[in-house]
Amino acid sequence: MDAKIDVQRELDTRGLNCPLPILKAKKALAEMLSGELLRVVSTDPGSMRDFQAFARQTGNELVGQEAAGAEFIHVLRRR
């Protein structure tokens, strides 16, 4: 994933387990404009599949995901 992606908002959900990272992302996206990018940093390994399912169910685009050590980074584009 390109580290230079221009995100409008970053959400730190380190230490939180499902469903909290998803719920916090949903709340953040609701406050954003269409097309804006949200980066979510999580330590929950299950967040990889959780955010894939979340994007499918909500119509928000999952721009990218990556595992960086013990952290999982998700970038979503607001629909």
PDB file of N, CA and C in Angstrom:
ATOM      1  N   MET A   1       0.847  -1.183   0.000  1.00  0.00           N
ATOM      2  CA  MET A   1       0.000   0.000   0.000  1.00  0.00           C
ATOM      3  C   MET A   1       0.886   1.238   0.000  1.00  0.00           C
ATOM      4  N   ASP A   2       0.494   2.242  -0.719  1.00  0.00           N
ATOM      5  CA  ASP A   2       1.270   3.470  -0.839  1.00  0.00           C
ATOM      6  C   ASP A   2       1.186   4.278   0.454  1.00  0.00           C
ATOM      7  N   ALA A   3       2.311   4.507   1.093  1.00  0.00           N
ATOM      8  CA  ALA A   3       2.348   5.244   2.361  1.00  0.00           C
ATOM      9  C   ALA A   3       1.981   6.711   2.161  1.00  0.00           C
ATOM     10  N   LYS A   4       2.004   7.169   0.910  1.00  0.00           N
ATOM     11  CA  LYS A   4       1.722   8.577   0.636  1.00  0.00           C
ATOM     12  C   LYS A   4       0.243   8.850   0.373  1.00  0.00           C
ATOM     13  N   ILE A   5      -0.607   7.855   0.553  1.00  0.00           N
ATOM     14  CA  ILE A   5      -2.044   8.070   0.357  1.00  0.00           C
ATOM     15  C   ILE A   5      -2.489   9.211   1.264  1.00  0.00           C
ATOM     16  N   ASP A   6      -3.208  10.162   0.690  1.00  0.00           N
ATOM     17  CA  ASP A   6      -3.637  11.347   1.430  1.00  0.00           C
ATOM     18  C   ASP A   6      -4.956  11.061   2.155  1.00  0.00           C
ATOM     19  N   VAL A   7      -4.860  10.652   3.406  1.00  0.00           N
ATOM     20  CA  VAL A   7      -6.072  10.344   4.164  1.00  0.00           C
ATOM     21  C   VAL A   7      -6.556  11.598   4.890  1.00  0.00           C
ATOM     22  N   GLN A   8      -7.868  11.735   4.996  1.00  0.00           N
ATOM     23  CA  GLN A   8      -8.438  12.890   5.678  1.00  0.00           C
ATOM     24  C   GLN A   8      -8.572  12.652   7.184  1.00  0.00           C
ATOM     25  N   ARG A   9      -8.618  11.390   7.565  1.00  0.00           N
ATOM     26  CA  ARG A   9      -8.836  11.083   8.984  1.00  0.00           C
ATOM     27  C   ARG A   9      -8.145   9.781   9.346  1.00  0.00           C
ATOM     28  N   GLU A  10      -7.584   9.732  10.545  1.00  0.00           N
ATOM     29  CA  GLU A  10      -6.925   8.515  11.019  1.00  0.00           C
ATOM     30  C   GLU A  10      -7.583   8.093  12.321  1.00  0.00           C
ATOM     31  N   LEU A  11      -7.777   6.794  12.459  1.00  0.00           N
ATOM     32  CA  LEU A  11      -8.443   6.241  13.634  1.00  0.00           C
ATOM     33  C   LEU A  11      -7.527   5.196  14.256  1.00  0.00           C
ATOM     34  N   ASP A  12      -7.224   5.370  15.532  1.00  0.00           N
ATOM     35  CA  ASP A  12      -6.359   4.432  16.250  1.00  0.00           C
ATOM     36  C   ASP A  12      -7.239   3.506  17.078  1.00  0.00           C
ATOM     37  N   THR A  13      -7.320   2.238  16.657  1.00  0.00           N
ATOM     38  CA  THR A  13      -8.127   1.268  17.410  1.00  0.00           C
ATOM     39  C   THR A  13      -7.231   0.173  17.993  1.00  0.00           C
ATOM     40  N   ARG A  14      -5.959   0.498  18.210  1.00  0.00           N
ATOM     41  CA  ARG A  14      -5.029  -0.472  18.801  1.00  0.00           C
ATOM     42  C   ARG A  14      -5.558  -0.921  20.157  1.00  0.00           C
ATOM     43  N   GLY A  15      -5.494  -2.228  20.404  1.00  0.00           N
ATOM     44  CA  GLY A  15      -5.926  -2.764  21.682  1.00  0.00           C
ATOM     45  C   GLY A  15      -7.417  -3.082  21.757  1.00  0.00           C
ATOM     46  N   LEU A  16      -8.168  -2.672  20.744  1.00  0.00           N
ATOM     47  CA  LEU A  16      -9.608  -2.945  20.723  1.00  0.00           C
ATOM     48  C   LEU A  16      -9.890  -4.170  19.874  1.00  0.00           C
ATOM     49  N   ASN A  17     -10.833  -4.991  20.312  1.00  0.00           N
ATOM     50  CA  ASN A  17     -11.203  -6.184  19.546  1.00  0.00           C
ATOM     51  C   ASN A  17     -12.573  -6.006  18.917  1.00  0.00           C
ATOM     52  N   CYS A  18     -12.840  -6.840  17.927  1.00  0.00           N
ATOM     53  CA  CYS A  18     -14.103  -6.840  17.209  1.00  0.00           C
ATOM     54  C   CYS A  18     -15.258  -6.849  18.213  1.00  0.00           C
ATOM     55  N   PRO A  19     -16.283  -6.077  18.016  1.00  0.00           N
ATOM     56  CA  PRO A  19     -16.579  -5.238  16.838  1.00  0.00           C
ATOM     57  C   PRO A  19     -16.178  -3.773  16.991  1.00  0.00           C
ATOM     58  N   LEU A  20     -15.424  -3.417  18.023  1.00  0.00           N
ATOM     59  CA  LEU A  20     -15.130  -2.001  18.278  1.00  0.00           C
ATOM     60  C   LEU A  20     -14.426  -1.272  17.135  1.00  0.00           C
ATOM     61  N   PRO A  21     -13.392  -1.844  16.484  1.00  0.00           N
ATOM     62  CA  PRO A  21     -12.772  -1.113  15.364  1.00  0.00           C
ATOM     63  C   PRO A  21     -13.785  -0.797  14.248  1.00  0.00           C
ATOM     64  N   ILE A  22     -14.667  -1.739  13.960  1.00  0.00           N
ATOM     65  CA  ILE A  22     -15.678  -1.522  12.922  1.00  0.00           C
ATOM     66  C   ILE A  22     -16.671  -0.439  13.348  1.00  0.00           C
ATOM     67  N   LEU A  23     -17.133  -0.503  14.594  1.00  0.00           N
ATOM     68  CA  LEU A  23     -18.098   0.486  15.077  1.00  0.00           C
ATOM     69  C   LEU A  23     -17.501   1.891  15.066  1.00  0.00           C
ATOM     70  N   LYS A  24     -16.241   2.012  15.473  1.00  0.00           N
ATOM     71  CA  LYS A  24     -15.583   3.319  15.474  1.00  0.00           C
ATOM     72  C   LYS A  24     -15.373   3.824  14.041  1.00  0.00           C
ATOM     73  N   ALA A  25     -15.040   2.911  13.123  1.00  0.00           N
ATOM     74  CA  ALA A  25     -14.865   3.293  11.720  1.00  0.00           C
ATOM     75  C   ALA A  25     -16.200   3.746  11.125  1.00  0.00           C
ATOM     76  N   LYS A  26     -17.259   3.038  11.462  1.00  0.00           N
ATOM     77  CA  LYS A  26     -18.593   3.386  10.948  1.00  0.00           C
ATOM     78  C   LYS A  26     -18.981   4.794  11.400  1.00  0.00           C
ATOM     79  N   LYS A  27     -18.726   5.094  12.672  1.00  0.00           N
ATOM     80  CA  LYS A  27     -19.036   6.420  13.219  1.00  0.00           C
ATOM     81  C   LYS A  27     -18.195   7.500  12.532  1.00  0.00           C
ATOM     82  N   ALA A  28     -16.900   7.229  12.355  1.00  0.00           N
ATOM     83  CA  ALA A  28     -16.003   8.199  11.713  1.00  0.00           C
ATOM     84  C   ALA A  28     -16.428   8.454  10.265  1.00  0.00           C
ATOM     85  N   LEU A  29     -16.748   7.389   9.534  1.00  0.00           N
ATOM     86  CA  LEU A  29     -17.155   7.535   8.132  1.00  0.00           C
ATOM     87  C   LEU A  29     -18.434   8.358   8.015  1.00  0.00           C
ATOM     88  N   ALA A  30     -19.346   8.202   8.976  1.00  0.00           N
ATOM     89  CA  ALA A  30     -20.607   8.941   8.949  1.00  0.00           C
ATOM     90  C   ALA A  30     -20.377  10.449   9.059  1.00  0.00           C
ATOM     91  N   GLU A  31     -19.247  10.834   9.655  1.00  0.00           N
ATOM     92  CA  GLU A  31     -18.927  12.255   9.835  1.00  0.00           C
ATOM     93  C   GLU A  31     -18.082  12.812   8.685  1.00  0.00           C
ATOM     94  N   MET A  32     -17.751  11.954   7.713  1.00  0.00           N
ATOM     95  CA  MET A  32     -16.874  12.364   6.622  1.00  0.00           C
ATOM     96  C   MET A  32     -17.672  12.627   5.348  1.00  0.00           C
ATOM     97  N   LEU A  33     -17.029  13.301   4.404  1.00  0.00           N
ATOM     98  CA  LEU A  33     -17.654  13.578   3.112  1.00  0.00           C
ATOM     99  C   LEU A  33     -17.395  12.431   2.146  1.00  0.00           C
ATOM    100  N   SER A  34     -18.276  12.284   1.181  1.00  0.00           N
ATOM    101  CA  SER A  34     -18.120  11.249   0.158  1.00  0.00           C
ATOM    102  C   SER A  34     -16.773  11.400  -0.541  1.00  0.00           C
ATOM    103  N   GLY A  35     -16.058  10.272  -0.685  1.00  0.00           N
ATOM    104  CA  GLY A  35     -14.771  10.292  -1.371  1.00  0.00           C
ATOM    105  C   GLY A  35     -13.573  10.472  -0.446  1.00  0.00           C
ATOM    106  N   GLU A  36     -13.811  10.912   0.795  1.00  0.00           N
ATOM    107  CA  GLU A  36     -12.701  11.093   1.731  1.00  0.00           C
ATOM    108  C   GLU A  36     -12.179   9.741   2.204  1.00  0.00           C
ATOM    109  N   LEU A  37     -10.903   9.731   2.603  1.00  0.00           N
ATOM    110  CA  LEU A  37     -10.258   8.492   3.029  1.00  0.00           C
ATOM    111  C   LEU A  37     -10.068   8.438   4.540  1.00  0.00           C
ATOM    112  N   LEU A  38     -10.307   7.257   5.091  1.00  0.00           N
ATOM    113  CA  LEU A  38     -10.127   6.991   6.520  1.00  0.00           C
ATOM    114  C   LEU A  38      -9.117   5.868   6.672  1.00  0.00           C
ATOM    115  N   ARG A  39      -8.066   6.107   7.489  1.00  0.00           N
ATOM    116  CA  ARG A  39      -7.100   5.053   7.795  1.00  0.00           C
ATOM    117  C   ARG A  39      -7.393   4.563   9.205  1.00  0.00           C
ATOM    118  N   VAL A  40      -7.538   3.240   9.340  1.00  0.00           N
ATOM    119  CA  VAL A  40      -7.790   2.634  10.647  1.00  0.00           C
ATOM    120  C   VAL A  40      -6.599   1.744  10.990  1.00  0.00           C
ATOM    121  N   VAL A  41      -6.012   1.967  12.160  1.00  0.00           N
ATOM    122  CA  VAL A  41      -4.903   1.136  12.634  1.00  0.00           C
ATOM    123  C   VAL A  41      -5.446   0.256  13.760  1.00  0.00           C
ATOM    124  N   SER A  42      -5.274  -1.058  13.606  1.00  0.00           N
ATOM    125  CA  SER A  42      -5.829  -2.016  14.551  1.00  0.00           C
ATOM    126  C   SER A  42      -4.763  -3.045  14.944  1.00  0.00           C
ATOM    127  N   THR A  43      -4.966  -3.686  16.095  1.00  0.00           N
ATOM    128  CA  THR A  43      -4.083  -4.781  16.501  1.00  0.00           C
ATOM    129  C   THR A  43      -4.846  -6.107  16.502  1.00  0.00           C
ATOM    130  N   ASP A  44      -6.095  -6.080  16.069  1.00  0.00           N
ATOM    131  CA  ASP A  44      -6.938  -7.281  16.032  1.00  0.00           C
ATOM    132  C   ASP A  44      -6.742  -7.998  14.694  1.00  0.00           C
ATOM    133  N   PRO A  45      -6.124  -9.216  14.696  1.00  0.00           N
ATOM    134  CA  PRO A  45      -5.895  -9.931  13.433  1.00  0.00           C
ATOM    135  C   PRO A  45      -7.196 -10.184  12.668  1.00  0.00           C
ATOM    136  N   GLY A  46      -8.301 -10.332  13.368  1.00  0.00           N
ATOM    137  CA  GLY A  46      -9.595 -10.556  12.707  1.00  0.00           C
ATOM    138  C   GLY A  46     -10.098  -9.342  11.954  1.00  0.00           C
ATOM    139  N   SER A  47      -9.461  -8.185  12.199  1.00  0.00           N
ATOM    140  CA  SER A  47      -9.923  -6.962  11.532  1.00  0.00           C
ATOM    141  C   SER A  47      -9.708  -7.024  10.022  1.00  0.00           C
ATOM    142  N   MET A  48      -8.771  -7.853   9.550  1.00  0.00           N
ATOM    143  CA  MET A  48      -8.545  -7.957   8.101  1.00  0.00           C
ATOM    144  C   MET A  48      -9.827  -8.415   7.406  1.00  0.00           C
ATOM    145  N   ARG A  49     -10.400  -9.526   7.876  1.00  0.00           N
ATOM    146  CA  ARG A  49     -11.633 -10.004   7.236  1.00  0.00           C
ATOM    147  C   ARG A  49     -12.844  -9.158   7.642  1.00  0.00           C
ATOM    148  N   ASP A  50     -12.821  -8.613   8.862  1.00  0.00           N
ATOM    149  CA  ASP A  50     -13.935  -7.776   9.317  1.00  0.00           C
ATOM    150  C   ASP A  50     -14.112  -6.557   8.410  1.00  0.00           C
ATOM    151  N   PHE A  51     -12.999  -5.890   8.071  1.00  0.00           N
ATOM    152  CA  PHE A  51     -13.104  -4.693   7.234  1.00  0.00           C
ATOM    153  C   PHE A  51     -13.464  -5.039   5.789  1.00  0.00           C
ATOM    154  N   GLN A  52     -13.061  -6.227   5.326  1.00  0.00           N
ATOM    155  CA  GLN A  52     -13.475  -6.658   3.982  1.00  0.00           C
ATOM    156  C   GLN A  52     -14.996  -6.824   3.946  1.00  0.00           C
ATOM    157  N   ALA A  53     -15.538  -7.486   4.959  1.00  0.00           N
ATOM    158  CA  ALA A  53     -16.986  -7.691   5.034  1.00  0.00           C
ATOM    159  C   ALA A  53     -17.716  -6.364   5.225  1.00  0.00           C
ATOM    160  N   PHE A  54     -17.161  -5.490   6.060  1.00  0.00           N
ATOM    161  CA  PHE A  54     -17.768  -4.182   6.317  1.00  0.00           C
ATOM    162  C   PHE A  54     -17.885  -3.379   5.016  1.00  0.00           C
ATOM    163  N   ALA A  55     -16.816  -3.380   4.220  1.00  0.00           N
ATOM    164  CA  ALA A  55     -16.820  -2.639   2.958  1.00  0.00           C
ATOM    165  C   ALA A  55     -17.881  -3.199   2.007  1.00  0.00           C
ATOM    166  N   ARG A  56     -17.955  -4.527   1.910  1.00  0.00           N
ATOM    167  CA  ARG A  56     -18.968  -5.159   1.050  1.00  0.00           C
ATOM    168  C   ARG A  56     -20.382  -4.789   1.488  1.00  0.00           C
ATOM    169  N   GLN A  57     -20.617  -4.825   2.782  1.00  0.00           N
ATOM    170  CA  GLN A  57     -21.968  -4.597   3.312  1.00  0.00           C
ATOM    171  C   GLN A  57     -22.397  -3.138   3.264  1.00  0.00           C
ATOM    172  N   THR A  58     -21.447  -2.200   3.356  1.00  0.00           N
ATOM    173  CA  THR A  58     -21.812  -0.787   3.454  1.00  0.00           C
ATOM    174  C   THR A  58     -21.635  -0.010   2.157  1.00  0.00           C
ATOM    175  N   GLY A  59     -20.902  -0.584   1.191  1.00  0.00           N
ATOM    176  CA  GLY A  59     -20.671   0.131  -0.060  1.00  0.00           C
ATOM    177  C   GLY A  59     -19.505   1.100   0.012  1.00  0.00           C
ATOM    178  N   ASN A  60     -18.819   1.181   1.166  1.00  0.00           N
ATOM    179  CA  ASN A  60     -17.601   1.983   1.249  1.00  0.00           C
ATOM    180  C   ASN A  60     -16.481   1.166   0.604  1.00  0.00           C
ATOM    181  N   GLU A  61     -15.563   1.850  -0.088  1.00  0.00           N
ATOM    182  CA  GLU A  61     -14.498   1.137  -0.792  1.00  0.00           C
ATOM    183  C   GLU A  61     -13.319   0.863   0.128  1.00  0.00           C
ATOM    184  N   LEU A  62     -12.875  -0.398   0.145  1.00  0.00           N
ATOM    185  CA  LEU A  62     -11.667  -0.760   0.883  1.00  0.00           C
ATOM    186  C   LEU A  62     -10.499  -0.520  -0.073  1.00  0.00           C
ATOM    187  N   VAL A  63      -9.829   0.611   0.095  1.00  0.00           N
ATOM    188  CA  VAL A  63      -8.761   1.027  -0.814  1.00  0.00           C
ATOM    189  C   VAL A  63      -7.525   0.153  -0.633  1.00  0.00           C
ATOM    190  N   GLY A  64      -7.250  -0.237   0.624  1.00  0.00           N
ATOM    191  CA  GLY A  64      -6.079  -1.070   0.865  1.00  0.00           C
ATOM    192  C   GLY A  64      -6.036  -1.587   2.287  1.00  0.00           C
ATOM    193  N   GLN A  65      -5.282  -2.679   2.443  1.00  0.00           N
ATOM    194  CA  GLN A  65      -5.056  -3.272   3.759  1.00  0.00           C
ATOM    195  C   GLN A  65      -3.617  -3.751   3.803  1.00  0.00           C
ATOM    196  N   GLU A  66      -3.001  -3.654   4.969  1.00  0.00           N
ATOM    197  CA  GLU A  66      -1.672  -4.240   5.100  1.00  0.00           C
ATOM    198  C   GLU A  66      -1.420  -4.611   6.551  1.00  0.00           C
ATOM    199  N   ALA A  67      -0.611  -5.642   6.719  1.00  0.00           N
ATOM    200  CA  ALA A  67      -0.179  -6.041   8.049  1.00  0.00           C
ATOM    201  C   ALA A  67       1.229  -5.483   8.219  1.00  0.00           C
ATOM    202  N   ALA A  68       1.441  -4.719   9.291  1.00  0.00           N
ATOM    203  CA  ALA A  68       2.751  -4.138   9.572  1.00  0.00           C
ATOM    204  C   ALA A  68       3.142  -4.571  10.981  1.00  0.00           C
ATOM    205  N   GLY A  69       3.847  -5.672  11.068  1.00  0.00           N
ATOM    206  CA  GLY A  69       4.191  -6.222  12.376  1.00  0.00           C
ATOM    207  C   GLY A  69       2.931  -6.707  13.069  1.00  0.00           C
ATOM    208  N   ALA A  70       2.671  -6.182  14.266  1.00  0.00           N
ATOM    209  CA  ALA A  70       1.476  -6.581  15.027  1.00  0.00           C
ATOM    210  C   ALA A  70       0.285  -5.684  14.724  1.00  0.00           C
ATOM    211  N   GLU A  71       0.464  -4.769  13.757  1.00  0.00           N
ATOM    212  CA  GLU A  71      -0.609  -3.836  13.424  1.00  0.00           C
ATOM    213  C   GLU A  71      -1.202  -4.143  12.048  1.00  0.00           C
ATOM    214  N   PHE A  72      -2.472  -3.823  11.925  1.00  0.00           N
ATOM    215  CA  PHE A  72      -3.195  -4.031  10.680  1.00  0.00           C
ATOM    216  C   PHE A  72      -3.770  -2.688  10.279  1.00  0.00           C
ATOM    217  N   ILE A  73      -3.453  -2.288   9.050  1.00  0.00           N
ATOM    218  CA  ILE A  73      -3.855  -0.965   8.573  1.00  0.00           C
ATOM    219  C   ILE A  73      -4.877  -1.114   7.457  1.00  0.00           C
ATOM    220  N   HIS A  74      -5.967  -0.388   7.597  1.00  0.00           N
ATOM    221  CA  HIS A  74      -7.070  -0.459   6.631  1.00  0.00           C
ATOM    222  C   HIS A  74      -7.337   0.964   6.147  1.00  0.00           C
ATOM    223  N   VAL A  75      -7.519   1.131   4.836  1.00  0.00           N
ATOM    224  CA  VAL A  75      -7.872   2.447   4.301  1.00  0.00           C
ATOM    225  C   VAL A  75      -9.193   2.300   3.569  1.00  0.00           C
ATOM    226  N   LEU A  76     -10.157   3.092   3.997  1.00  0.00           N
ATOM    227  CA  LEU A  76     -11.507   3.048   3.418  1.00  0.00           C
ATOM    228  C   LEU A  76     -11.840   4.388   2.764  1.00  0.00           C
ATOM    229  N   ARG A  77     -12.538   4.325   1.625  1.00  0.00           N
ATOM    230  CA  ARG A  77     -13.029   5.541   0.969  1.00  0.00           C
ATOM    231  C   ARG A  77     -14.528   5.635   1.233  1.00  0.00           C
ATOM    232  N   ARG A  78     -14.942   6.777   1.779  1.00  0.00           N
ATOM    233  CA  ARG A  78     -16.349   7.008   2.087  1.00  0.00           C
ATOM    234  C   ARG A  78     -17.175   7.003   0.812  1.00  0.00           C
ATOM    235  N   ARG A  79     -18.280   6.251   0.831  1.00  0.00           N
ATOM    236  CA  ARG A  79     -19.131   6.188  -0.368  1.00  0.00           C
ATOM    237  C   ARG A  79     -19.896   7.468  -0.563  1.00  0.00           C
TER     238      ARG A  79
END
